[in-house]
Amino acid sequence: MGDFGFVSTASLLKYQALGNDFLIALDPAALGGREAVGKETVRYLCDRRRGVGADGLILVHPAKRAGEAAMELRNADGGRAETSGNGLRCLALALLDAGLVSSPSFLIETDGGEVRLEVAGRRAGRSAEVRASMGRVSLERMEPSPLEGFSAYSVDVSNPHLVLLGEEIETVDLSREGPRLETSLPGGRNVEVVRKSGQDALELAVWERGAGLTAACGSGSVAAAAAARSAGLVGDRVVVDNPGGRLVVELAGEPESPEATLTGPACRVARLEVELGPVAAES
């Protein structure tokens, strides 16, 4: 039966940011009774063939400090993650849509610290532009690089990243290299392969820890911009083209420890009533 037999149904929301999609549980208790939501439940819900399908699950808890709410982020493999730039923007819009925040600007508590979010303006009925203050980024050059032909940076955006700067990013098969590079750090990390595509502009491909290839990564875009700025490739305002679309990163301060903000869209996809009872064994 696993750990998802507590209740028959649960209400979830689905939001996406440039194709990086998340299930959001405003009432996490419905997913696990009085217990913590187990990895098997998360994997079931995020499975794109047997469940609903998503890159991750966001559980909304009462704030413990100064925030309006606390975010618990679980990757598609069930593991817990510190933060997500795209997930935060999805959560900001979800809380505003649900009437759980009274102002378009508010604080959210994450495992990586407090983040200020601002829903800047509606793009359409279900979509809005959201700005996230991602806090201080720390980075350092890695020698030797784990990928030939690319300069490597270890970057912390409250979650860990490996940024690989080069020119021929299309020659890198992240479906093959991603798992190896992800696990090169204990606990895993996100991996971005990045090239300069214009003045103050970058293009990246991303392999996310616990999710694999994704259409976009918000914290990865911040990591890529910070690494490229440190290398002298871009300035303080950077356009980052993900496979799923464009994000804007603004950086201020020293190259090795800038403060970062991230701006991009978020969109509501669906309101869902999900079946959580035991599933018959498959032949």
C-alpha atoms as a PDB file:
ATOM      1  CA  MET A   1       0.000   0.000   0.000  1.00  0.00           C
ATOM      2  CA  GLY A   2       2.895   2.386   0.679  1.00  0.00           C
ATOM      3  CA  ASP A   3       2.447   5.640   2.585  1.00  0.00           C
ATOM      4  CA  PHE A   4      -0.363   7.204   0.522  1.00  0.00           C
ATOM      5  CA  GLY A   5      -3.335   5.342   1.904  1.00  0.00           C
ATOM      6  CA  PHE A   6      -4.298   7.817   4.638  1.00  0.00           C
ATOM      7  CA  VAL A   7      -7.191   9.553   2.827  1.00  0.00           C
ATOM      8  CA  SER A   8      -9.122   8.995  -0.373  1.00  0.00           C
ATOM      9  CA  THR A   9      -8.658  12.421  -1.989  1.00  0.00           C
ATOM     10  CA  ALA A  10      -6.711  15.642  -1.534  1.00  0.00           C
ATOM     11  CA  SER A  11      -6.990  19.079  -3.088  1.00  0.00           C
ATOM     12  CA  LEU A  12      -3.904  20.336  -4.920  1.00  0.00           C
ATOM     13  CA  LEU A  13      -3.042  23.233  -7.179  1.00  0.00           C
ATOM     14  CA  LYS A  14      -0.769  23.060 -10.189  1.00  0.00           C
ATOM     15  CA  TYR A  15       1.313  26.053 -11.294  1.00  0.00           C
ATOM     16  CA  GLN A  16       4.154  26.389 -13.779  1.00  0.00           C
ATOM     17  CA  ALA A  17       6.941  28.867 -14.449  1.00  0.00           C
ATOM     18  CA  LEU A  18       8.429  28.574 -17.953  1.00  0.00           C
ATOM     19  CA  GLY A  19       7.454  24.900 -17.997  1.00  0.00           C
ATOM     20  CA  ASN A  20       9.009  24.142 -14.589  1.00  0.00           C
ATOM     21  CA  ASP A  21       5.851  22.804 -12.928  1.00  0.00           C
ATOM     22  CA  PHE A  22       4.858  22.301  -9.309  1.00  0.00           C
ATOM     23  CA  LEU A  23       2.014  20.802  -7.345  1.00  0.00           C
ATOM     24  CA  ILE A  24       1.081  22.977  -4.368  1.00  0.00           C
ATOM     25  CA  ALA A  25      -0.630  21.690  -1.236  1.00  0.00           C
ATOM     26  CA  LEU A  26      -2.138  24.554   0.738  1.00  0.00           C
ATOM     27  CA  ASP A  27      -3.278  21.926   3.263  1.00  0.00           C
ATOM     28  CA  PRO A  28      -0.417  19.393   3.569  1.00  0.00           C
ATOM     29  CA  ALA A  29      -2.281  17.434   6.267  1.00  0.00           C
ATOM     30  CA  ALA A  30      -4.614  16.094   3.566  1.00  0.00           C
ATOM     31  CA  LEU A  31      -1.625  14.274   2.032  1.00  0.00           C
ATOM     32  CA  GLY A  32      -0.433  12.501   5.132  1.00  0.00           C
ATOM     33  CA  GLY A  33      -2.772  12.781   8.054  1.00  0.00           C
ATOM     34  CA  ARG A  34      -0.754  13.820  11.094  1.00  0.00           C
ATOM     35  CA  GLU A  35       2.490  12.444   9.721  1.00  0.00           C
ATOM     36  CA  ALA A  36       5.030  14.011   7.389  1.00  0.00           C
ATOM     37  CA  VAL A  37       4.380  13.440   3.702  1.00  0.00           C
ATOM     38  CA  GLY A  38       6.455  10.429   2.674  1.00  0.00           C
ATOM     39  CA  LYS A  39       8.742  10.118  -0.320  1.00  0.00           C
ATOM     40  CA  GLU A  40       6.489   7.517  -1.921  1.00  0.00           C
ATOM     41  CA  THR A  41       3.562   9.946  -1.886  1.00  0.00           C
ATOM     42  CA  VAL A  42       5.663  12.666  -3.515  1.00  0.00           C
ATOM     43  CA  ARG A  43       6.979  10.317  -6.199  1.00  0.00           C
ATOM     44  CA  TYR A  44       3.445   9.080  -6.908  1.00  0.00           C
ATOM     45  CA  LEU A  45       2.011  12.580  -7.301  1.00  0.00           C
ATOM     46  CA  CYS A  46       4.908  13.851  -9.443  1.00  0.00           C
ATOM     47  CA  ASP A  47       4.969  10.786 -11.728  1.00  0.00           C
ATOM     48  CA  ARG A  48       3.891  11.954 -15.190  1.00  0.00           C
ATOM     49  CA  ARG A  49       2.384   8.607 -16.192  1.00  0.00           C
ATOM     50  CA  ARG A  50       0.945   7.182 -12.983  1.00  0.00           C
ATOM     51  CA  GLY A  51       0.270  10.358 -11.018  1.00  0.00           C
ATOM     52  CA  VAL A  52      -0.454  13.982 -11.861  1.00  0.00           C
ATOM     53  CA  GLY A  53       3.035  14.909 -12.979  1.00  0.00           C
ATOM     54  CA  ALA A  54       5.328  17.715 -11.804  1.00  0.00           C
ATOM     55  CA  ASP A  55       8.954  18.630 -11.205  1.00  0.00           C
ATOM     56  CA  GLY A  56       8.218  19.042  -7.516  1.00  0.00           C
ATOM     57  CA  LEU A  57       5.687  19.338  -4.703  1.00  0.00           C
ATOM     58  CA  ILE A  58       5.357  22.440  -2.512  1.00  0.00           C
ATOM     59  CA  LEU A  59       3.823  22.058   0.951  1.00  0.00           C
ATOM     60  CA  VAL A  60       2.618  25.272   2.600  1.00  0.00           C
ATOM     61  CA  HIS A  61       3.026  25.495   6.386  1.00  0.00           C
ATOM     62  CA  PRO A  62       2.360  28.266   8.916  1.00  0.00           C
ATOM     63  CA  ALA A  63       5.232  30.700   9.269  1.00  0.00           C
ATOM     64  CA  LYS A  64       7.495  30.283  12.290  1.00  0.00           C
ATOM     65  CA  ARG A  65       9.263  33.640  12.070  1.00  0.00           C
ATOM     66  CA  ALA A  66       8.417  36.796  10.122  1.00  0.00           C
ATOM     67  CA  GLY A  67       6.997  35.328   6.927  1.00  0.00           C
ATOM     68  CA  GLU A  68       3.427  34.993   5.712  1.00  0.00           C
ATOM     69  CA  ALA A  69       3.942  31.245   5.236  1.00  0.00           C
ATOM     70  CA  ALA A  70       6.672  28.599   5.148  1.00  0.00           C
ATOM     71  CA  MET A  71       7.508  26.568   2.054  1.00  0.00           C
ATOM     72  CA  GLU A  72       8.577  22.937   2.185  1.00  0.00           C
ATOM     73  CA  LEU A  73       9.879  21.912  -1.237  1.00  0.00           C
ATOM     74  CA  ARG A  74      10.128  18.299  -2.316  1.00  0.00           C
ATOM     75  CA  ASN A  75      11.766  17.249  -5.575  1.00  0.00           C
ATOM     76  CA  ALA A  76      10.066  14.750  -7.867  1.00  0.00           C
ATOM     77  CA  ASP A  77      12.162  11.939  -6.361  1.00  0.00           C
ATOM     78  CA  GLY A  78      10.741  12.723  -2.928  1.00  0.00           C
ATOM     79  CA  GLY A  79      13.868  14.394  -1.548  1.00  0.00           C
ATOM     80  CA  ARG A  80      13.704  17.736   0.223  1.00  0.00           C
ATOM     81  CA  ALA A  81      15.257  20.828  -1.372  1.00  0.00           C
ATOM     82  CA  GLU A  82      16.214  24.150   0.182  1.00  0.00           C
ATOM     83  CA  THR A  83      14.563  26.496  -2.308  1.00  0.00           C
ATOM     84  CA  SER A  84      13.510  27.043  -5.932  1.00  0.00           C
ATOM     85  CA  GLY A  85      13.334  30.313  -7.815  1.00  0.00           C
ATOM     86  CA  ASN A  86      10.550  29.089 -10.088  1.00  0.00           C
ATOM     87  CA  GLY A  87       8.767  27.302  -7.247  1.00  0.00           C
ATOM     88  CA  LEU A  88       8.795  30.458  -5.145  1.00  0.00           C
ATOM     89  CA  ARG A  89       7.209  32.479  -7.929  1.00  0.00           C
ATOM     90  CA  CYS A  90       4.533  29.809  -8.406  1.00  0.00           C
ATOM     91  CA  LEU A  91       3.864  29.792  -4.681  1.00  0.00           C
ATOM     92  CA  ALA A  92       3.610  33.583  -4.568  1.00  0.00           C
ATOM     93  CA  LEU A  93       0.892  33.592  -7.208  1.00  0.00           C
ATOM     94  CA  ALA A  94      -0.899  30.633  -5.598  1.00  0.00           C
ATOM     95  CA  LEU A  95      -1.061  32.364  -2.207  1.00  0.00           C
ATOM     96  CA  LEU A  96      -2.343  35.570  -3.781  1.00  0.00           C
ATOM     97  CA  ASP A  97      -4.899  33.688  -5.898  1.00  0.00           C
ATOM     98  CA  ALA A  98      -6.160  31.859  -2.786  1.00  0.00           C
ATOM     99  CA  GLY A  99      -6.473  35.064  -0.786  1.00  0.00           C
ATOM    100  CA  LEU A 100      -3.975  33.851   1.802  1.00  0.00           C
ATOM    101  CA  VAL A 101      -1.890  37.037   1.552  1.00  0.00           C
ATOM    102  CA  SER A 102      -3.335  40.540   1.587  1.00  0.00           C
ATOM    103  CA  SER A 103      -0.459  42.337  -0.134  1.00  0.00           C
ATOM    104  CA  PRO A 104       1.303  41.550  -3.429  1.00  0.00           C
ATOM    105  CA  SER A 105       4.635  41.863  -1.581  1.00  0.00           C
ATOM    106  CA  PHE A 106       5.401  39.474   1.282  1.00  0.00           C
ATOM    107  CA  LEU A 107       7.973  37.196   2.943  1.00  0.00           C
ATOM    108  CA  ILE A 108       8.109  33.411   2.592  1.00  0.00           C
ATOM    109  CA  GLU A 109      10.219  31.187   4.847  1.00  0.00           C
ATOM    110  CA  THR A 110      12.207  28.431   3.120  1.00  0.00           C
ATOM    111  CA  ASP A 111      14.791  25.898   4.246  1.00  0.00           C
ATOM    112  CA  GLY A 112      17.338  28.259   2.688  1.00  0.00           C
ATOM    113  CA  GLY A 113      16.131  31.396   4.498  1.00  0.00           C
ATOM    114  CA  GLU A 114      13.527  34.101   4.076  1.00  0.00           C
ATOM    115  CA  VAL A 115      12.632  35.361   0.598  1.00  0.00           C
ATOM    116  CA  ARG A 116      10.667  38.481  -0.309  1.00  0.00           C
ATOM    117  CA  LEU A 117       8.244  37.931  -3.177  1.00  0.00           C
ATOM    118  CA  GLU A 118       6.388  40.552  -5.183  1.00  0.00           C
ATOM    119  CA  VAL A 119       3.616  39.818  -7.646  1.00  0.00           C
ATOM    120  CA  ALA A 120       4.349  42.792  -9.870  1.00  0.00           C
ATOM    121  CA  GLY A 121       1.513  42.620 -12.361  1.00  0.00           C
ATOM    122  CA  ARG A 122      -0.909  40.307 -14.079  1.00  0.00           C
ATOM    123  CA  ARG A 123      -0.003  39.169 -17.580  1.00  0.00           C
ATOM    124  CA  ALA A 124      -3.379  37.500 -18.099  1.00  0.00           C
ATOM    125  CA  GLY A 125      -6.117  35.999 -15.968  1.00  0.00           C
ATOM    126  CA  ARG A 126      -4.000  33.052 -14.795  1.00  0.00           C
ATOM    127  CA  SER A 127      -0.506  34.484 -15.179  1.00  0.00           C
ATOM    128  CA  ALA A 128       1.577  37.159 -13.493  1.00  0.00           C
ATOM    129  CA  GLU A 129       5.081  38.573 -13.369  1.00  0.00           C
ATOM    130  CA  VAL A 130       6.742  37.761 -10.036  1.00  0.00           C
ATOM    131  CA  ARG A 131       9.948  39.102  -8.532  1.00  0.00           C
ATOM    132  CA  ALA A 132      11.876  37.134  -5.914  1.00  0.00           C
ATOM    133  CA  SER A 133      14.705  38.500  -3.767  1.00  0.00           C
ATOM    134  CA  MET A 134      16.983  35.463  -3.741  1.00  0.00           C
ATOM    135  CA  GLY A 135      19.444  36.765  -1.142  1.00  0.00           C
ATOM    136  CA  ARG A 136      23.210  36.480  -1.177  1.00  0.00           C
ATOM    137  CA  VAL A 137      24.914  34.169  -3.662  1.00  0.00           C
ATOM    138  CA  SER A 138      28.320  32.672  -2.922  1.00  0.00           C
ATOM    139  CA  LEU A 139      30.565  31.163  -5.578  1.00  0.00           C
ATOM    140  CA  GLU A 140      34.062  29.952  -6.259  1.00  0.00           C
ATOM    141  CA  ARG A 141      35.984  28.721  -9.281  1.00  0.00           C
ATOM    142  CA  MET A 142      36.570  24.963  -9.391  1.00  0.00           C
ATOM    143  CA  GLU A 143      39.860  23.478 -10.530  1.00  0.00           C
ATOM    144  CA  PRO A 144      40.014  21.166 -12.324  1.00  0.00           C
ATOM    145  CA  SER A 145      36.709  21.380 -14.142  1.00  0.00           C
ATOM    146  CA  PRO A 146      34.655  18.157 -14.112  1.00  0.00           C
ATOM    147  CA  LEU A 147      33.787  18.722 -17.786  1.00  0.00           C
ATOM    148  CA  GLU A 148      36.489  19.226 -20.396  1.00  0.00           C
ATOM    149  CA  GLY A 149      36.268  22.494 -22.320  1.00  0.00           C
ATOM    150  CA  PHE A 150      34.163  24.269 -19.681  1.00  0.00           C
ATOM    151  CA  SER A 151      35.133  26.473 -16.766  1.00  0.00           C
ATOM    152  CA  ALA A 152      33.394  25.345 -13.596  1.00  0.00           C
ATOM    153  CA  TYR A 153      31.948  27.238 -10.639  1.00  0.00           C
ATOM    154  CA  SER A 154      30.489  25.960  -7.402  1.00  0.00           C
ATOM    155  CA  VAL A 155      27.590  28.290  -6.588  1.00  0.00           C
ATOM    156  CA  ASP A 156      25.314  28.479  -3.543  1.00  0.00           C
ATOM    157  CA  VAL A 157      21.912  30.147  -4.058  1.00  0.00           C
ATOM    158  CA  SER A 158      20.643  28.739  -0.750  1.00  0.00           C
ATOM    159  CA  ASN A 159      20.791  25.486  -2.738  1.00  0.00           C
ATOM    160  CA  PRO A 160      23.870  23.991  -4.451  1.00  0.00           C
ATOM    161  CA  HIS A 161      24.756  24.412  -8.142  1.00  0.00           C
ATOM    162  CA  LEU A 162      27.512  23.426 -10.517  1.00  0.00           C
ATOM    163  CA  VAL A 163      27.741  26.022 -13.297  1.00  0.00           C
ATOM    164  CA  LEU A 164      29.738  25.088 -16.394  1.00  0.00           C
ATOM    165  CA  LEU A 165      30.600  28.020 -18.681  1.00  0.00           C
ATOM    166  CA  GLY A 166      31.564  27.300 -22.264  1.00  0.00           C
ATOM    167  CA  GLU A 167      30.594  27.791 -25.890  1.00  0.00           C
ATOM    168  CA  GLU A 168      29.451  24.460 -27.323  1.00  0.00           C
ATOM    169  CA  ILE A 169      26.692  23.684 -24.819  1.00  0.00           C
ATOM    170  CA  GLU A 170      24.723  21.724 -27.426  1.00  0.00           C
ATOM    171  CA  THR A 171      27.520  19.122 -27.448  1.00  0.00           C
ATOM    172  CA  VAL A 172      26.844  18.251 -23.788  1.00  0.00           C
ATOM    173  CA  ASP A 173      24.358  15.421 -23.326  1.00  0.00           C
ATOM    174  CA  LEU A 174      22.942  16.325 -19.922  1.00  0.00           C
ATOM    175  CA  SER A 175      20.753  13.230 -19.880  1.00  0.00           C
ATOM    176  CA  ARG A 176      24.038  11.275 -19.691  1.00  0.00           C
ATOM    177  CA  GLU A 177      26.333  13.730 -17.883  1.00  0.00           C
ATOM    178  CA  GLY A 178      23.715  15.135 -15.517  1.00  0.00           C
ATOM    179  CA  PRO A 179      23.464  12.179 -13.112  1.00  0.00           C
ATOM    180  CA  ARG A 180      27.250  11.963 -12.774  1.00  0.00           C
ATOM    181  CA  LEU A 181      27.683  15.688 -12.210  1.00  0.00           C
ATOM    182  CA  GLU A 182      24.712  15.890  -9.831  1.00  0.00           C
ATOM    183  CA  THR A 183      26.171  13.293  -7.504  1.00  0.00           C
ATOM    184  CA  SER A 184      29.713  14.695  -7.600  1.00  0.00           C
ATOM    185  CA  LEU A 185      28.786  16.581  -4.414  1.00  0.00           C
ATOM    186  CA  PRO A 186      27.490  14.716  -1.349  1.00  0.00           C
ATOM    187  CA  GLY A 187      23.740  15.322  -1.203  1.00  0.00           C
ATOM    188  CA  GLY A 188      23.654  16.227  -4.890  1.00  0.00           C
ATOM    189  CA  ARG A 189      23.475  19.523  -6.741  1.00  0.00           C
ATOM    190  CA  ASN A 190      21.849  21.187  -9.727  1.00  0.00           C
ATOM    191  CA  VAL A 191      23.882  21.403 -12.925  1.00  0.00           C
ATOM    192  CA  GLU A 192      23.769  24.226 -15.484  1.00  0.00           C
ATOM    193  CA  VAL A 193      25.618  24.279 -18.806  1.00  0.00           C
ATOM    194  CA  VAL A 194      25.838  27.907 -19.885  1.00  0.00           C
ATOM    195  CA  ARG A 195      27.088  30.059 -22.743  1.00  0.00           C
ATOM    196  CA  LYS A 196      27.084  33.774 -23.455  1.00  0.00           C
ATOM    197  CA  SER A 197      24.485  34.474 -26.145  1.00  0.00           C
ATOM    198  CA  GLY A 198      24.689  38.263 -26.389  1.00  0.00           C
ATOM    199  CA  GLN A 199      25.460  41.392 -24.429  1.00  0.00           C
ATOM    200  CA  ASP A 200      24.404  40.669 -20.837  1.00  0.00           C
ATOM    201  CA  ALA A 201      22.577  37.565 -22.085  1.00  0.00           C
ATOM    202  CA  LEU A 202      23.051  33.868 -21.383  1.00  0.00           C
ATOM    203  CA  GLU A 203      21.619  30.590 -22.634  1.00  0.00           C
ATOM    204  CA  LEU A 204      21.521  27.518 -20.425  1.00  0.00           C
ATOM    205  CA  ALA A 205      20.499  23.901 -20.223  1.00  0.00           C
ATOM    206  CA  VAL A 206      19.749  22.467 -16.803  1.00  0.00           C
ATOM    207  CA  TRP A 207      19.764  19.169 -14.950  1.00  0.00           C
ATOM    208  CA  GLU A 208      17.980  19.545 -11.618  1.00  0.00           C
ATOM    209  CA  ARG A 209      18.810  17.542  -8.535  1.00  0.00           C
ATOM    210  CA  GLY A 210      16.023  15.053  -7.899  1.00  0.00           C
ATOM    211  CA  ALA A 211      14.094  15.998 -11.048  1.00  0.00           C
ATOM    212  CA  GLY A 212      16.426  15.540 -14.045  1.00  0.00           C
ATOM    213  CA  LEU A 213      16.120  17.596 -17.213  1.00  0.00           C
ATOM    214  CA  THR A 214      13.697  20.491 -16.747  1.00  0.00           C
ATOM    215  CA  ALA A 215      12.441  23.320 -18.931  1.00  0.00           C
ATOM    216  CA  ALA A 216      13.744  26.012 -16.588  1.00  0.00           C
ATOM    217  CA  CYS A 217      15.491  26.603 -13.284  1.00  0.00           C
ATOM    218  CA  GLY A 218      15.135  29.907 -11.444  1.00  0.00           C
ATOM    219  CA  SER A 219      17.889  29.421  -8.884  1.00  0.00           C
ATOM    220  CA  GLY A 220      20.011  27.914 -11.671  1.00  0.00           C
ATOM    221  CA  SER A 221      19.532  31.078 -13.717  1.00  0.00           C
ATOM    222  CA  VAL A 222      20.733  33.115 -10.727  1.00  0.00           C
ATOM    223  CA  ALA A 223      23.730  30.794 -10.319  1.00  0.00           C
ATOM    224  CA  ALA A 224      24.570  31.040 -14.025  1.00  0.00           C
ATOM    225  CA  ALA A 225      24.331  34.830 -14.036  1.00  0.00           C
ATOM    226  CA  ALA A 226      26.504  35.137 -10.920  1.00  0.00           C
ATOM    227  CA  ALA A 227      29.176  32.827 -12.352  1.00  0.00           C
ATOM    228  CA  ALA A 228      29.189  34.616 -15.716  1.00  0.00           C
ATOM    229  CA  ARG A 229      29.405  38.009 -13.982  1.00  0.00           C
ATOM    230  CA  SER A 230      32.338  36.792 -11.897  1.00  0.00           C
ATOM    231  CA  ALA A 231      34.038  35.676 -15.124  1.00  0.00           C
ATOM    232  CA  GLY A 232      33.524  39.115 -16.671  1.00  0.00           C
ATOM    233  CA  LEU A 233      31.070  37.914 -19.327  1.00  0.00           C
ATOM    234  CA  VAL A 234      28.016  39.919 -18.237  1.00  0.00           C
ATOM    235  CA  GLY A 235      27.069  42.912 -16.145  1.00  0.00           C
ATOM    236  CA  ASP A 236      24.671  43.475 -13.276  1.00  0.00           C
ATOM    237  CA  ARG A 237      21.410  42.818 -15.156  1.00  0.00           C
ATOM    238  CA  VAL A 238      21.373  39.541 -17.046  1.00  0.00           C
ATOM    239  CA  VAL A 239      18.803  37.969 -19.351  1.00  0.00           C
ATOM    240  CA  VAL A 240      18.898  34.169 -19.012  1.00  0.00           C
ATOM    241  CA  ASP A 241      17.232  32.077 -21.705  1.00  0.00           C
ATOM    242  CA  ASN A 242      16.123  28.716 -20.345  1.00  0.00           C
ATOM    243  CA  PRO A 243      14.724  26.032 -22.670  1.00  0.00           C
ATOM    244  CA  GLY A 244      11.243  27.066 -21.494  1.00  0.00           C
ATOM    245  CA  GLY A 245      11.673  30.832 -21.708  1.00  0.00           C
ATOM    246  CA  ARG A 246      13.364  33.941 -20.371  1.00  0.00           C
ATOM    247  CA  LEU A 247      14.205  35.079 -16.844  1.00  0.00           C
ATOM    248  CA  VAL A 248      15.894  38.269 -15.663  1.00  0.00           C
ATOM    249  CA  VAL A 249      18.527  38.225 -12.927  1.00  0.00           C
ATOM    250  CA  GLU A 250      19.796  41.386 -11.207  1.00  0.00           C
ATOM    251  CA  LEU A 251      23.012  41.276  -9.185  1.00  0.00           C
ATOM    252  CA  ALA A 252      24.575  43.795  -6.806  1.00  0.00           C
ATOM    253  CA  GLY A 253      27.751  43.689  -4.765  1.00  0.00           C
ATOM    254  CA  GLU A 254      31.042  41.834  -4.918  1.00  0.00           C
ATOM    255  CA  PRO A 255      31.497  39.286  -7.754  1.00  0.00           C
ATOM    256  CA  GLU A 256      31.996  36.356  -5.356  1.00  0.00           C
ATOM    257  CA  SER A 257      29.048  37.225  -3.078  1.00  0.00           C
ATOM    258  CA  PRO A 258      26.392  39.328  -4.831  1.00  0.00           C
ATOM    259  CA  GLU A 259      22.809  39.931  -3.755  1.00  0.00           C
ATOM    260  CA  ALA A 260      20.394  38.595  -6.381  1.00  0.00           C
ATOM    261  CA  THR A 261      16.830  39.131  -7.501  1.00  0.00           C
ATOM    262  CA  LEU A 262      14.950  37.017 -10.040  1.00  0.00           C
ATOM    263  CA  THR A 263      12.021  38.130 -12.189  1.00  0.00           C
ATOM    264  CA  GLY A 264       9.825  36.030 -14.447  1.00  0.00           C
ATOM    265  CA  PRO A 265       6.320  34.704 -15.032  1.00  0.00           C
ATOM    266  CA  ALA A 266       4.230  32.200 -13.121  1.00  0.00           C
ATOM    267  CA  CYS A 267       0.950  30.687 -14.267  1.00  0.00           C
ATOM    268  CA  ARG A 268      -1.904  28.728 -12.701  1.00  0.00           C
ATOM    269  CA  VAL A 269      -2.582  25.479 -14.551  1.00  0.00           C
ATOM    270  CA  ALA A 270      -5.258  23.606 -12.608  1.00  0.00           C
ATOM    271  CA  ARG A 271      -7.163  23.019  -9.405  1.00  0.00           C
ATOM    272  CA  LEU A 272      -7.075  19.289  -8.728  1.00  0.00           C
ATOM    273  CA  GLU A 273      -8.805  16.681  -6.624  1.00  0.00           C
ATOM    274  CA  VAL A 274      -6.299  13.846  -6.438  1.00  0.00           C
ATOM    275  CA  GLU A 275      -7.014  10.202  -5.569  1.00  0.00           C
ATOM    276  CA  LEU A 276      -4.671   8.924  -2.862  1.00  0.00           C
ATOM    277  CA  GLY A 277      -6.010   5.470  -2.040  1.00  0.00           C
ATOM    278  CA  PRO A 278      -4.066   2.249  -2.594  1.00  0.00           C
ATOM    279  CA  VAL A 279      -3.512   1.149  -6.196  1.00  0.00           C
ATOM    280  CA  ALA A 280      -4.041  -2.419  -7.349  1.00  0.00           C
ATOM    281  CA  ALA A 281      -0.859  -4.308  -8.192  1.00  0.00           C
ATOM    282  CA  GLU A 282       0.155  -4.089 -11.836  1.00  0.00           C
ATOM    283  CA  SER A 283       0.939  -7.171 -13.873  1.00  0.00           C
END
